[in-house]
Amino acid sequence: MRVILIAVLFLVSCFTTVAQEPTSALAEKRVSLTERAIALDGSGASALEATLKTTALNGAEDSPVTNIRMVVRNSGTVAYAFVSGLVTFYDGSGVRCGEGLFKADALSVDESFETDTPGIRIRCSPSTWRIVANNLLPRVAMNGVNSAGASLGRTNLNLVISVDGEEHPIQLDKPMVVKLGDTQRTIILREAP
């Protein structure tokens, strides 16, 4: 009976470990230095593509490469107000040997920008690299429609908040519960007449 219980616990721990592995469909792939690296958005679609402009990447522990140039292109269908990400380099055995950050403001669909990676220190002669998008903040138009054309909800509404019968204008669209002292107050948002 103990042997069966130990075997079941071992199998459950194996399944739990496998469940923690990232799915290959949602992971950014490492590519050779001459290929385009692709960063994915939250749904697994291509958001950014990058190519290296710097070709001499022969770093060492005592003399690391401290600056690179790359071109990043918005390969998605959404214009962004801000993008940032991480570029990572790997040696021939797959060990990470350098990483740096990149960022840009106001990136339209199919637009590219050239950037460097401040703070990078490549301590090897890398053979592969990848990029990961950390922040993809979509640009939103003032009329409530984002750059992809999808409506973000009701627009141009005059909303008021009613707290115990006292009305205050507000720009939120969902009710809130606030604790004031020992009592909870329900705040109801509704459209003004």
N, C-alpha and C. Protein backbone atom coordinates (compact mmCIF):
# COMPACT_ATOMS: atom_id res chain seq x y z
N MET A 1 0.82 -1.18 0.00
CA MET A 1 0.00 0.00 0.00
C MET A 1 0.87 1.26 0.00
N ARG A 2 1.95 1.27 0.79
CA ARG A 2 2.86 2.41 0.83
C ARG A 2 3.55 2.61 -0.51
N VAL A 3 3.90 1.53 -1.17
CA VAL A 3 4.57 1.63 -2.46
C VAL A 3 3.64 2.27 -3.48
N ILE A 4 2.37 1.89 -3.47
CA ILE A 4 1.40 2.48 -4.40
C ILE A 4 1.22 3.97 -4.09
N LEU A 5 1.13 4.33 -2.82
CA LEU A 5 0.97 5.73 -2.43
C LEU A 5 2.18 6.55 -2.86
N ILE A 6 3.38 6.03 -2.68
CA ILE A 6 4.60 6.73 -3.10
C ILE A 6 4.63 6.88 -4.62
N ALA A 7 4.23 5.83 -5.34
CA ALA A 7 4.20 5.91 -6.80
C ALA A 7 3.20 6.96 -7.28
N VAL A 8 2.03 7.01 -6.66
CA VAL A 8 1.02 8.01 -7.04
C VAL A 8 1.54 9.42 -6.76
N LEU A 9 2.16 9.65 -5.60
CA LEU A 9 2.72 10.96 -5.28
C LEU A 9 3.81 11.35 -6.27
N PHE A 10 4.63 10.38 -6.67
CA PHE A 10 5.68 10.65 -7.66
C PHE A 10 5.07 11.06 -9.00
N LEU A 11 4.04 10.35 -9.45
CA LEU A 11 3.40 10.68 -10.72
C LEU A 11 2.72 12.05 -10.67
N VAL A 12 2.07 12.35 -9.56
CA VAL A 12 1.42 13.66 -9.43
C VAL A 12 2.46 14.78 -9.47
N SER A 13 3.60 14.59 -8.81
CA SER A 13 4.64 15.62 -8.84
C SER A 13 5.22 15.78 -10.23
N CYS A 14 5.31 14.69 -11.00
CA CYS A 14 5.79 14.79 -12.39
C CYS A 14 4.82 15.60 -13.24
N PHE A 15 3.52 15.34 -13.10
CA PHE A 15 2.53 16.08 -13.87
C PHE A 15 2.51 17.56 -13.48
N THR A 16 2.70 17.84 -12.20
CA THR A 16 2.72 19.23 -11.76
C THR A 16 3.93 19.95 -12.32
N THR A 17 5.06 19.28 -12.38
CA THR A 17 6.26 19.89 -12.94
C THR A 17 6.08 20.18 -14.41
N VAL A 18 5.51 19.26 -15.17
CA VAL A 18 5.29 19.45 -16.60
C VAL A 18 4.30 20.59 -16.83
N ALA A 19 3.32 20.73 -15.96
CA ALA A 19 2.33 21.80 -16.12
C ALA A 19 2.95 23.18 -15.94
N GLN A 20 4.09 23.28 -15.27
CA GLN A 20 4.74 24.57 -15.05
C GLN A 20 5.62 24.98 -16.22
N GLU A 21 5.88 24.11 -17.18
CA GLU A 21 6.69 24.44 -18.33
C GLU A 21 5.92 25.38 -19.24
N PRO A 22 6.59 26.39 -19.83
CA PRO A 22 5.89 27.28 -20.75
C PRO A 22 5.51 26.54 -22.02
N THR A 23 4.36 26.92 -22.56
CA THR A 23 3.94 26.29 -23.81
C THR A 23 4.80 26.83 -24.94
N SER A 24 5.18 25.98 -25.85
CA SER A 24 6.08 26.38 -26.92
C SER A 24 5.42 27.37 -27.86
N ALA A 25 4.11 27.39 -27.94
CA ALA A 25 3.43 28.31 -28.83
C ALA A 25 3.49 29.75 -28.32
N LEU A 26 3.60 29.94 -27.01
CA LEU A 26 3.60 31.28 -26.44
C LEU A 26 4.99 31.74 -26.00
N ALA A 27 6.05 31.02 -26.35
CA ALA A 27 7.39 31.40 -25.94
C ALA A 27 8.14 32.00 -27.13
N GLU A 28 8.86 33.09 -26.87
CA GLU A 28 9.68 33.69 -27.91
C GLU A 28 10.83 32.74 -28.22
N LYS A 29 11.07 32.52 -29.48
CA LYS A 29 12.10 31.58 -29.92
C LYS A 29 13.45 32.27 -30.04
N ARG A 30 14.49 31.54 -29.73
CA ARG A 30 15.85 32.02 -29.99
C ARG A 30 16.15 31.81 -31.46
N VAL A 31 16.80 32.79 -32.07
CA VAL A 31 17.15 32.70 -33.48
C VAL A 31 18.62 33.07 -33.64
N SER A 32 19.19 32.74 -34.78
CA SER A 32 20.59 33.10 -35.02
C SER A 32 20.69 34.62 -35.16
N LEU A 33 21.91 35.14 -35.05
CA LEU A 33 22.11 36.59 -35.04
C LEU A 33 21.73 37.25 -36.36
N THR A 34 21.68 36.50 -37.45
CA THR A 34 21.33 37.07 -38.75
C THR A 34 19.83 37.01 -39.03
N GLU A 35 19.06 36.34 -38.18
CA GLU A 35 17.61 36.23 -38.38
C GLU A 35 16.87 37.28 -37.57
N ARG A 36 15.59 37.48 -37.93
CA ARG A 36 14.71 38.38 -37.18
C ARG A 36 14.22 37.69 -35.92
N ALA A 37 14.31 38.38 -34.81
CA ALA A 37 13.74 37.88 -33.56
C ALA A 37 12.33 38.44 -33.44
N ILE A 38 11.40 37.62 -32.94
CA ILE A 38 10.00 38.01 -32.86
C ILE A 38 9.54 37.99 -31.41
N ALA A 39 8.91 39.09 -30.98
CA ALA A 39 8.30 39.17 -29.65
C ALA A 39 6.79 39.02 -29.81
N LEU A 40 6.18 38.29 -28.91
CA LEU A 40 4.75 38.00 -28.99
C LEU A 40 3.97 38.87 -28.02
N ASP A 41 2.69 39.12 -28.36
CA ASP A 41 1.82 39.82 -27.43
C ASP A 41 1.18 38.81 -26.49
N GLY A 42 0.27 39.24 -25.65
CA GLY A 42 -0.35 38.37 -24.66
C GLY A 42 -1.15 37.23 -25.25
N SER A 43 -1.64 37.38 -26.47
CA SER A 43 -2.42 36.32 -27.10
C SER A 43 -1.56 35.37 -27.93
N GLY A 44 -0.26 35.61 -28.00
CA GLY A 44 0.64 34.74 -28.74
C GLY A 44 0.85 35.17 -30.18
N ALA A 45 0.32 36.31 -30.59
CA ALA A 45 0.52 36.81 -31.95
C ALA A 45 1.78 37.67 -31.99
N SER A 46 2.38 37.75 -33.17
CA SER A 46 3.58 38.56 -33.34
C SER A 46 3.26 40.03 -33.11
N ALA A 47 4.02 40.68 -32.22
CA ALA A 47 3.82 42.09 -31.93
C ALA A 47 4.99 42.92 -32.44
N LEU A 48 6.22 42.44 -32.22
CA LEU A 48 7.42 43.16 -32.61
C LEU A 48 8.39 42.21 -33.31
N GLU A 49 9.11 42.73 -34.30
CA GLU A 49 10.20 42.01 -34.96
C GLU A 49 11.44 42.86 -34.86
N ALA A 50 12.59 42.24 -34.63
CA ALA A 50 13.84 42.99 -34.49
C ALA A 50 14.94 42.34 -35.31
N THR A 51 15.80 43.18 -35.90
CA THR A 51 17.00 42.73 -36.59
C THR A 51 18.19 43.48 -36.01
N LEU A 52 19.32 42.80 -35.94
CA LEU A 52 20.53 43.41 -35.40
C LEU A 52 21.22 44.25 -36.47
N LYS A 53 21.68 45.43 -36.09
CA LYS A 53 22.51 46.25 -36.98
C LYS A 53 23.98 46.11 -36.60
N THR A 54 24.25 45.80 -35.34
CA THR A 54 25.62 45.59 -34.87
C THR A 54 26.04 44.18 -35.23
N THR A 55 27.17 44.04 -35.90
CA THR A 55 27.62 42.71 -36.32
C THR A 55 28.77 42.18 -35.48
N ALA A 56 29.58 43.06 -34.90
CA ALA A 56 30.73 42.62 -34.09
C ALA A 56 30.28 42.45 -32.65
N LEU A 57 29.95 41.23 -32.28
CA LEU A 57 29.49 40.93 -30.93
C LEU A 57 30.41 39.91 -30.27
N ASN A 58 31.70 40.19 -30.26
CA ASN A 58 32.69 39.27 -29.67
C ASN A 58 33.09 39.78 -28.30
N GLY A 59 32.24 39.54 -27.33
CA GLY A 59 32.52 39.97 -25.97
C GLY A 59 33.28 38.90 -25.20
N ALA A 60 33.84 39.31 -24.10
CA ALA A 60 34.54 38.40 -23.18
C ALA A 60 34.26 38.87 -21.77
N GLU A 61 34.58 38.03 -20.80
CA GLU A 61 34.33 38.38 -19.40
C GLU A 61 35.06 39.66 -19.00
N ASP A 62 36.31 39.84 -19.48
CA ASP A 62 37.08 41.02 -19.11
C ASP A 62 36.85 42.21 -20.05
N SER A 63 36.24 42.00 -21.23
CA SER A 63 35.93 43.11 -22.14
C SER A 63 34.57 42.86 -22.83
N PRO A 64 33.48 43.11 -22.10
CA PRO A 64 32.16 42.85 -22.66
C PRO A 64 31.76 43.91 -23.70
N VAL A 65 30.86 43.51 -24.61
CA VAL A 65 30.26 44.44 -25.54
C VAL A 65 29.22 45.23 -24.76
N THR A 66 29.32 46.55 -24.80
CA THR A 66 28.43 47.38 -23.97
C THR A 66 27.43 48.19 -24.77
N ASN A 67 27.40 48.04 -26.09
CA ASN A 67 26.43 48.78 -26.88
C ASN A 67 26.14 48.02 -28.17
N ILE A 68 24.86 47.90 -28.50
CA ILE A 68 24.45 47.31 -29.77
C ILE A 68 23.39 48.20 -30.38
N ARG A 69 23.17 48.07 -31.67
CA ARG A 69 22.10 48.77 -32.37
C ARG A 69 21.21 47.72 -33.01
N MET A 70 19.92 47.95 -32.97
CA MET A 70 18.97 47.05 -33.62
C MET A 70 17.78 47.86 -34.12
N VAL A 71 17.06 47.29 -35.09
CA VAL A 71 15.87 47.90 -35.65
C VAL A 71 14.68 47.06 -35.22
N VAL A 72 13.70 47.71 -34.60
CA VAL A 72 12.50 47.02 -34.11
C VAL A 72 11.32 47.53 -34.94
N ARG A 73 10.49 46.60 -35.42
CA ARG A 73 9.33 46.94 -36.24
C ARG A 73 8.06 46.43 -35.58
N ASN A 74 7.00 47.24 -35.63
CA ASN A 74 5.69 46.83 -35.13
C ASN A 74 5.08 45.89 -36.17
N SER A 75 5.06 44.61 -35.88
CA SER A 75 4.54 43.62 -36.83
C SER A 75 3.10 43.22 -36.50
N GLY A 76 2.52 43.87 -35.50
CA GLY A 76 1.15 43.55 -35.12
C GLY A 76 0.14 44.42 -35.85
N THR A 77 -1.09 44.38 -35.39
CA THR A 77 -2.18 45.13 -36.01
C THR A 77 -2.65 46.30 -35.14
N VAL A 78 -1.92 46.60 -34.08
CA VAL A 78 -2.30 47.65 -33.14
C VAL A 78 -1.18 48.68 -33.08
N ALA A 79 -1.53 49.96 -33.13
CA ALA A 79 -0.55 51.02 -32.91
C ALA A 79 -0.34 51.17 -31.41
N TYR A 80 0.90 51.45 -31.01
CA TYR A 80 1.23 51.53 -29.59
C TYR A 80 1.65 52.94 -29.20
N ALA A 81 1.25 53.35 -28.02
CA ALA A 81 1.70 54.62 -27.45
C ALA A 81 3.07 54.43 -26.80
N PHE A 82 3.38 53.22 -26.33
CA PHE A 82 4.66 52.92 -25.69
C PHE A 82 4.94 51.43 -25.81
N VAL A 83 6.17 51.09 -26.16
CA VAL A 83 6.61 49.69 -26.16
C VAL A 83 7.96 49.62 -25.44
N SER A 84 8.17 48.54 -24.75
CA SER A 84 9.48 48.27 -24.16
C SER A 84 9.67 46.76 -24.13
N GLY A 85 10.92 46.37 -24.05
CA GLY A 85 11.19 44.95 -24.05
C GLY A 85 12.61 44.64 -23.62
N LEU A 86 12.93 43.37 -23.72
CA LEU A 86 14.21 42.85 -23.29
C LEU A 86 14.83 42.09 -24.45
N VAL A 87 16.10 42.33 -24.72
CA VAL A 87 16.84 41.57 -25.72
C VAL A 87 17.87 40.72 -24.97
N THR A 88 17.93 39.44 -25.32
CA THR A 88 18.80 38.50 -24.60
C THR A 88 19.68 37.77 -25.60
N PHE A 89 20.95 37.59 -25.26
CA PHE A 89 21.91 36.88 -26.11
C PHE A 89 22.37 35.61 -25.41
N TYR A 90 22.62 34.55 -26.22
CA TYR A 90 23.02 33.24 -25.70
C TYR A 90 24.26 32.77 -26.44
N ASP A 91 25.15 32.08 -25.71
CA ASP A 91 26.34 31.52 -26.37
C ASP A 91 25.99 30.21 -27.07
N GLY A 92 26.98 29.54 -27.63
CA GLY A 92 26.76 28.32 -28.41
C GLY A 92 26.14 27.19 -27.63
N SER A 93 26.32 27.15 -26.31
CA SER A 93 25.73 26.09 -25.51
C SER A 93 24.38 26.48 -24.90
N GLY A 94 23.85 27.65 -25.28
CA GLY A 94 22.53 28.07 -24.81
C GLY A 94 22.53 28.78 -23.48
N VAL A 95 23.69 29.21 -23.01
CA VAL A 95 23.78 29.92 -21.73
C VAL A 95 23.63 31.42 -21.99
N ARG A 96 22.78 32.05 -21.21
CA ARG A 96 22.57 33.50 -21.35
C ARG A 96 23.86 34.22 -21.00
N CYS A 97 24.26 35.15 -21.87
CA CYS A 97 25.52 35.86 -21.62
C CYS A 97 25.38 37.37 -21.80
N GLY A 98 24.18 37.87 -21.93
CA GLY A 98 23.98 39.31 -22.03
C GLY A 98 22.52 39.63 -22.25
N GLU A 99 22.08 40.73 -21.63
CA GLU A 99 20.71 41.18 -21.84
C GLU A 99 20.64 42.67 -21.62
N GLY A 100 19.70 43.30 -22.31
CA GLY A 100 19.51 44.73 -22.20
C GLY A 100 18.07 45.10 -22.51
N LEU A 101 17.71 46.34 -22.22
CA LEU A 101 16.35 46.82 -22.41
C LEU A 101 16.29 47.72 -23.63
N PHE A 102 15.10 47.78 -24.25
CA PHE A 102 14.84 48.74 -25.31
C PHE A 102 13.46 49.32 -25.10
N LYS A 103 13.21 50.52 -25.66
CA LYS A 103 11.90 51.15 -25.52
C LYS A 103 11.70 52.14 -26.64
N ALA A 104 10.41 52.48 -26.87
CA ALA A 104 10.05 53.49 -27.86
C ALA A 104 8.68 54.04 -27.52
N ASP A 105 8.46 55.28 -27.93
CA ASP A 105 7.16 55.93 -27.77
C ASP A 105 6.49 56.00 -29.13
N ALA A 106 5.16 55.92 -29.15
CA ALA A 106 4.34 56.14 -30.35
C ALA A 106 4.84 55.34 -31.55
N LEU A 107 4.46 54.08 -31.60
CA LEU A 107 4.87 53.17 -32.68
C LEU A 107 3.63 52.73 -33.45
N SER A 108 3.51 53.19 -34.70
CA SER A 108 2.37 52.84 -35.55
C SER A 108 2.52 51.44 -36.11
N VAL A 109 1.45 50.93 -36.70
CA VAL A 109 1.48 49.62 -37.33
C VAL A 109 2.47 49.65 -38.49
N ASP A 110 3.34 48.66 -38.58
CA ASP A 110 4.35 48.49 -39.62
C ASP A 110 5.43 49.58 -39.59
N GLU A 111 5.53 50.33 -38.51
CA GLU A 111 6.57 51.35 -38.36
C GLU A 111 7.77 50.72 -37.66
N SER A 112 8.97 51.20 -38.00
CA SER A 112 10.21 50.70 -37.40
C SER A 112 10.94 51.83 -36.68
N PHE A 113 11.77 51.45 -35.72
CA PHE A 113 12.64 52.42 -35.06
C PHE A 113 13.97 51.75 -34.77
N GLU A 114 15.04 52.55 -34.83
CA GLU A 114 16.37 52.06 -34.52
C GLU A 114 16.68 52.45 -33.09
N THR A 115 17.24 51.52 -32.33
CA THR A 115 17.49 51.78 -30.92
C THR A 115 18.75 51.07 -30.46
N ASP A 116 19.22 51.45 -29.29
CA ASP A 116 20.29 50.74 -28.62
C ASP A 116 19.72 50.09 -27.37
N THR A 117 20.57 49.44 -26.62
CA THR A 117 20.11 48.77 -25.40
C THR A 117 20.99 49.23 -24.24
N PRO A 118 20.59 50.27 -23.54
CA PRO A 118 21.42 50.78 -22.45
C PRO A 118 21.65 49.74 -21.37
N GLY A 119 22.87 49.69 -20.89
CA GLY A 119 23.20 48.80 -19.79
C GLY A 119 23.55 47.38 -20.20
N ILE A 120 23.57 47.09 -21.50
CA ILE A 120 23.87 45.72 -21.92
C ILE A 120 25.35 45.42 -21.71
N ARG A 121 25.64 44.19 -21.35
CA ARG A 121 27.02 43.71 -21.20
C ARG A 121 27.06 42.28 -21.73
N ILE A 122 27.46 42.11 -22.98
CA ILE A 122 27.55 40.79 -23.61
C ILE A 122 28.93 40.23 -23.31
N ARG A 123 28.98 39.12 -22.54
CA ARG A 123 30.23 38.56 -22.06
C ARG A 123 30.63 37.29 -22.80
N CYS A 124 30.23 37.18 -24.09
CA CYS A 124 30.58 36.00 -24.87
C CYS A 124 30.51 36.37 -26.34
N SER A 125 30.74 35.40 -27.20
CA SER A 125 30.47 35.56 -28.63
C SER A 125 29.15 34.85 -28.87
N PRO A 126 28.03 35.58 -28.85
CA PRO A 126 26.73 34.93 -28.91
C PRO A 126 26.46 34.28 -30.27
N SER A 127 25.65 33.22 -30.22
CA SER A 127 25.24 32.56 -31.46
C SER A 127 23.75 32.70 -31.70
N THR A 128 22.96 32.95 -30.63
CA THR A 128 21.52 33.14 -30.77
C THR A 128 21.08 34.31 -29.92
N TRP A 129 19.86 34.80 -30.22
CA TRP A 129 19.28 35.90 -29.46
C TRP A 129 17.78 35.84 -29.54
N ARG A 130 17.10 36.60 -28.70
CA ARG A 130 15.64 36.71 -28.72
C ARG A 130 15.23 38.04 -28.12
N ILE A 131 13.99 38.45 -28.40
CA ILE A 131 13.44 39.63 -27.76
C ILE A 131 12.12 39.25 -27.11
N VAL A 132 11.80 39.94 -26.04
CA VAL A 132 10.56 39.74 -25.30
C VAL A 132 9.93 41.12 -25.10
N ALA A 133 8.65 41.24 -25.40
CA ALA A 133 7.95 42.50 -25.17
C ALA A 133 7.50 42.56 -23.72
N ASN A 134 7.98 43.55 -22.98
CA ASN A 134 7.56 43.73 -21.59
C ASN A 134 6.30 44.57 -21.49
N ASN A 135 6.23 45.67 -22.25
CA ASN A 135 5.08 46.58 -22.21
C ASN A 135 4.64 46.88 -23.64
N LEU A 136 3.38 46.66 -23.91
CA LEU A 136 2.76 47.02 -25.18
C LEU A 136 1.51 47.82 -24.86
N LEU A 137 1.67 49.13 -24.73
CA LEU A 137 0.57 50.01 -24.37
C LEU A 137 -0.10 50.52 -25.64
N PRO A 138 -1.33 50.09 -25.95
CA PRO A 138 -1.97 50.51 -27.19
C PRO A 138 -2.34 51.99 -27.16
N ARG A 139 -2.28 52.59 -28.33
CA ARG A 139 -2.68 53.99 -28.47
C ARG A 139 -4.19 54.04 -28.59
N VAL A 140 -4.81 54.94 -27.85
CA VAL A 140 -6.27 55.07 -27.84
C VAL A 140 -6.63 56.46 -28.35
N ALA A 141 -7.55 56.51 -29.30
CA ALA A 141 -8.01 57.79 -29.82
C ALA A 141 -8.97 58.43 -28.83
N MET A 142 -9.15 59.73 -28.93
CA MET A 142 -9.98 60.46 -27.97
C MET A 142 -11.46 60.10 -28.06
N ASN A 143 -11.93 59.57 -29.19
CA ASN A 143 -13.35 59.25 -29.32
C ASN A 143 -13.69 57.86 -28.82
N GLY A 144 -12.76 57.18 -28.15
CA GLY A 144 -13.05 55.88 -27.56
C GLY A 144 -12.84 54.71 -28.49
N VAL A 145 -12.22 54.93 -29.65
CA VAL A 145 -11.93 53.84 -30.57
C VAL A 145 -10.43 53.70 -30.63
N ASN A 146 -9.94 52.47 -30.44
CA ASN A 146 -8.49 52.28 -30.48
C ASN A 146 -8.02 52.27 -31.93
N SER A 147 -6.69 52.21 -32.13
CA SER A 147 -6.14 52.33 -33.46
C SER A 147 -6.50 51.15 -34.36
N ALA A 148 -6.90 50.03 -33.81
CA ALA A 148 -7.30 48.89 -34.63
C ALA A 148 -8.75 49.01 -35.07
N GLY A 149 -9.46 50.02 -34.59
CA GLY A 149 -10.83 50.25 -35.02
C GLY A 149 -11.87 49.66 -34.08
N ALA A 150 -11.45 49.03 -33.00
CA ALA A 150 -12.41 48.43 -32.08
C ALA A 150 -12.90 49.48 -31.10
N SER A 151 -14.18 49.50 -30.87
CA SER A 151 -14.76 50.46 -29.94
C SER A 151 -14.43 50.03 -28.52
N LEU A 152 -14.10 51.00 -27.69
CA LEU A 152 -13.74 50.70 -26.31
C LEU A 152 -14.93 50.81 -25.37
N GLY A 153 -16.09 51.05 -25.87
CA GLY A 153 -17.27 51.14 -25.02
C GLY A 153 -18.01 52.43 -25.27
N ARG A 154 -18.87 52.80 -24.33
CA ARG A 154 -19.66 54.02 -24.47
C ARG A 154 -18.74 55.23 -24.45
N THR A 155 -19.08 56.23 -25.27
CA THR A 155 -18.25 57.43 -25.32
C THR A 155 -19.10 58.65 -25.03
N ASN A 156 -18.43 59.71 -24.63
CA ASN A 156 -19.06 61.01 -24.39
C ASN A 156 -20.25 60.92 -23.45
N LEU A 157 -20.15 60.15 -22.39
CA LEU A 157 -21.22 60.06 -21.40
C LEU A 157 -20.90 60.96 -20.22
N ASN A 158 -21.92 61.65 -19.73
CA ASN A 158 -21.77 62.41 -18.50
C ASN A 158 -22.20 61.50 -17.36
N LEU A 159 -21.24 61.05 -16.56
CA LEU A 159 -21.54 60.14 -15.46
C LEU A 159 -21.48 60.90 -14.15
N VAL A 160 -22.35 60.50 -13.23
CA VAL A 160 -22.31 61.05 -11.88
C VAL A 160 -22.24 59.89 -10.90
N ILE A 161 -21.64 60.15 -9.76
CA ILE A 161 -21.56 59.15 -8.71
C ILE A 161 -22.48 59.60 -7.58
N SER A 162 -23.28 58.67 -7.07
CA SER A 162 -24.24 58.99 -6.01
C SER A 162 -23.82 58.25 -4.75
N VAL A 163 -23.37 59.02 -3.73
CA VAL A 163 -22.96 58.45 -2.45
C VAL A 163 -23.98 58.89 -1.42
N ASP A 164 -24.80 57.95 -0.96
CA ASP A 164 -25.86 58.25 0.01
C ASP A 164 -26.74 59.42 -0.44
N GLY A 165 -27.04 59.47 -1.73
CA GLY A 165 -27.92 60.50 -2.25
C GLY A 165 -27.22 61.77 -2.71
N GLU A 166 -25.95 61.95 -2.39
CA GLU A 166 -25.21 63.12 -2.83
C GLU A 166 -24.49 62.78 -4.13
N GLU A 167 -24.71 63.58 -5.19
CA GLU A 167 -24.18 63.26 -6.51
C GLU A 167 -22.89 64.02 -6.79
N HIS A 168 -21.92 63.31 -7.42
CA HIS A 168 -20.63 63.87 -7.81
C HIS A 168 -20.31 63.38 -9.21
N PRO A 169 -19.82 64.24 -10.11
CA PRO A 169 -19.44 63.78 -11.45
C PRO A 169 -18.20 62.88 -11.38
N ILE A 170 -18.16 61.87 -12.25
CA ILE A 170 -17.05 60.93 -12.28
C ILE A 170 -16.93 60.33 -13.67
N GLN A 171 -15.77 59.77 -14.00
CA GLN A 171 -15.55 59.21 -15.32
C GLN A 171 -15.27 57.71 -15.28
N LEU A 172 -15.85 57.01 -14.37
CA LEU A 172 -15.70 55.57 -14.30
C LEU A 172 -17.00 54.93 -14.72
N ASP A 173 -16.96 53.63 -15.05
CA ASP A 173 -18.19 53.01 -15.53
C ASP A 173 -18.58 51.75 -14.77
N LYS A 174 -18.13 51.61 -13.54
CA LYS A 174 -18.60 50.48 -12.75
C LYS A 174 -18.76 50.86 -11.30
N PRO A 175 -19.70 50.21 -10.61
CA PRO A 175 -19.95 50.55 -9.21
C PRO A 175 -18.78 50.15 -8.31
N MET A 176 -18.70 50.84 -7.16
CA MET A 176 -17.65 50.56 -6.19
C MET A 176 -18.26 50.43 -4.80
N VAL A 177 -17.61 49.70 -3.92
CA VAL A 177 -18.00 49.62 -2.51
C VAL A 177 -16.83 50.17 -1.72
N VAL A 178 -17.11 51.20 -0.92
CA VAL A 178 -16.07 51.87 -0.15
C VAL A 178 -16.41 51.75 1.32
N LYS A 179 -15.42 51.43 2.14
CA LYS A 179 -15.62 51.35 3.58
C LYS A 179 -15.23 52.68 4.18
N LEU A 180 -16.18 53.36 4.80
CA LEU A 180 -15.95 54.63 5.46
C LEU A 180 -16.20 54.44 6.96
N GLY A 181 -15.14 54.46 7.73
CA GLY A 181 -15.28 54.19 9.16
C GLY A 181 -15.65 52.74 9.38
N ASP A 182 -16.77 52.52 10.10
CA ASP A 182 -17.21 51.17 10.39
C ASP A 182 -18.26 50.66 9.40
N THR A 183 -18.67 51.50 8.46
CA THR A 183 -19.73 51.10 7.54
C THR A 183 -19.23 51.04 6.10
N GLN A 184 -19.86 50.17 5.34
CA GLN A 184 -19.56 50.08 3.93
C GLN A 184 -20.54 50.94 3.15
N ARG A 185 -20.05 51.69 2.19
CA ARG A 185 -20.89 52.55 1.36
C ARG A 185 -20.84 52.03 -0.07
N THR A 186 -22.01 51.93 -0.67
CA THR A 186 -22.10 51.51 -2.07
C THR A 186 -22.17 52.76 -2.93
N ILE A 187 -21.30 52.83 -3.89
CA ILE A 187 -21.26 53.96 -4.80
C ILE A 187 -21.81 53.48 -6.13
N ILE A 188 -22.87 54.14 -6.60
CA ILE A 188 -23.54 53.72 -7.82
C ILE A 188 -23.26 54.75 -8.91
N LEU A 189 -22.76 54.31 -10.03
CA LEU A 189 -22.50 55.18 -11.16
C LEU A 189 -23.68 55.10 -12.12
N ARG A 190 -24.16 56.24 -12.57
CA ARG A 190 -25.26 56.23 -13.52
C ARG A 190 -25.10 57.41 -14.46
N GLU A 191 -25.80 57.35 -15.58
CA GLU A 191 -25.75 58.40 -16.57
C GLU A 191 -26.54 59.62 -16.10
N ALA A 192 -25.94 60.81 -16.26
CA ALA A 192 -26.61 62.05 -15.86
C ALA A 192 -27.70 62.39 -16.88
N PRO A 193 -28.80 63.02 -16.44
CA PRO A 193 -29.87 63.36 -17.37
C PRO A 193 -29.46 64.43 -18.36
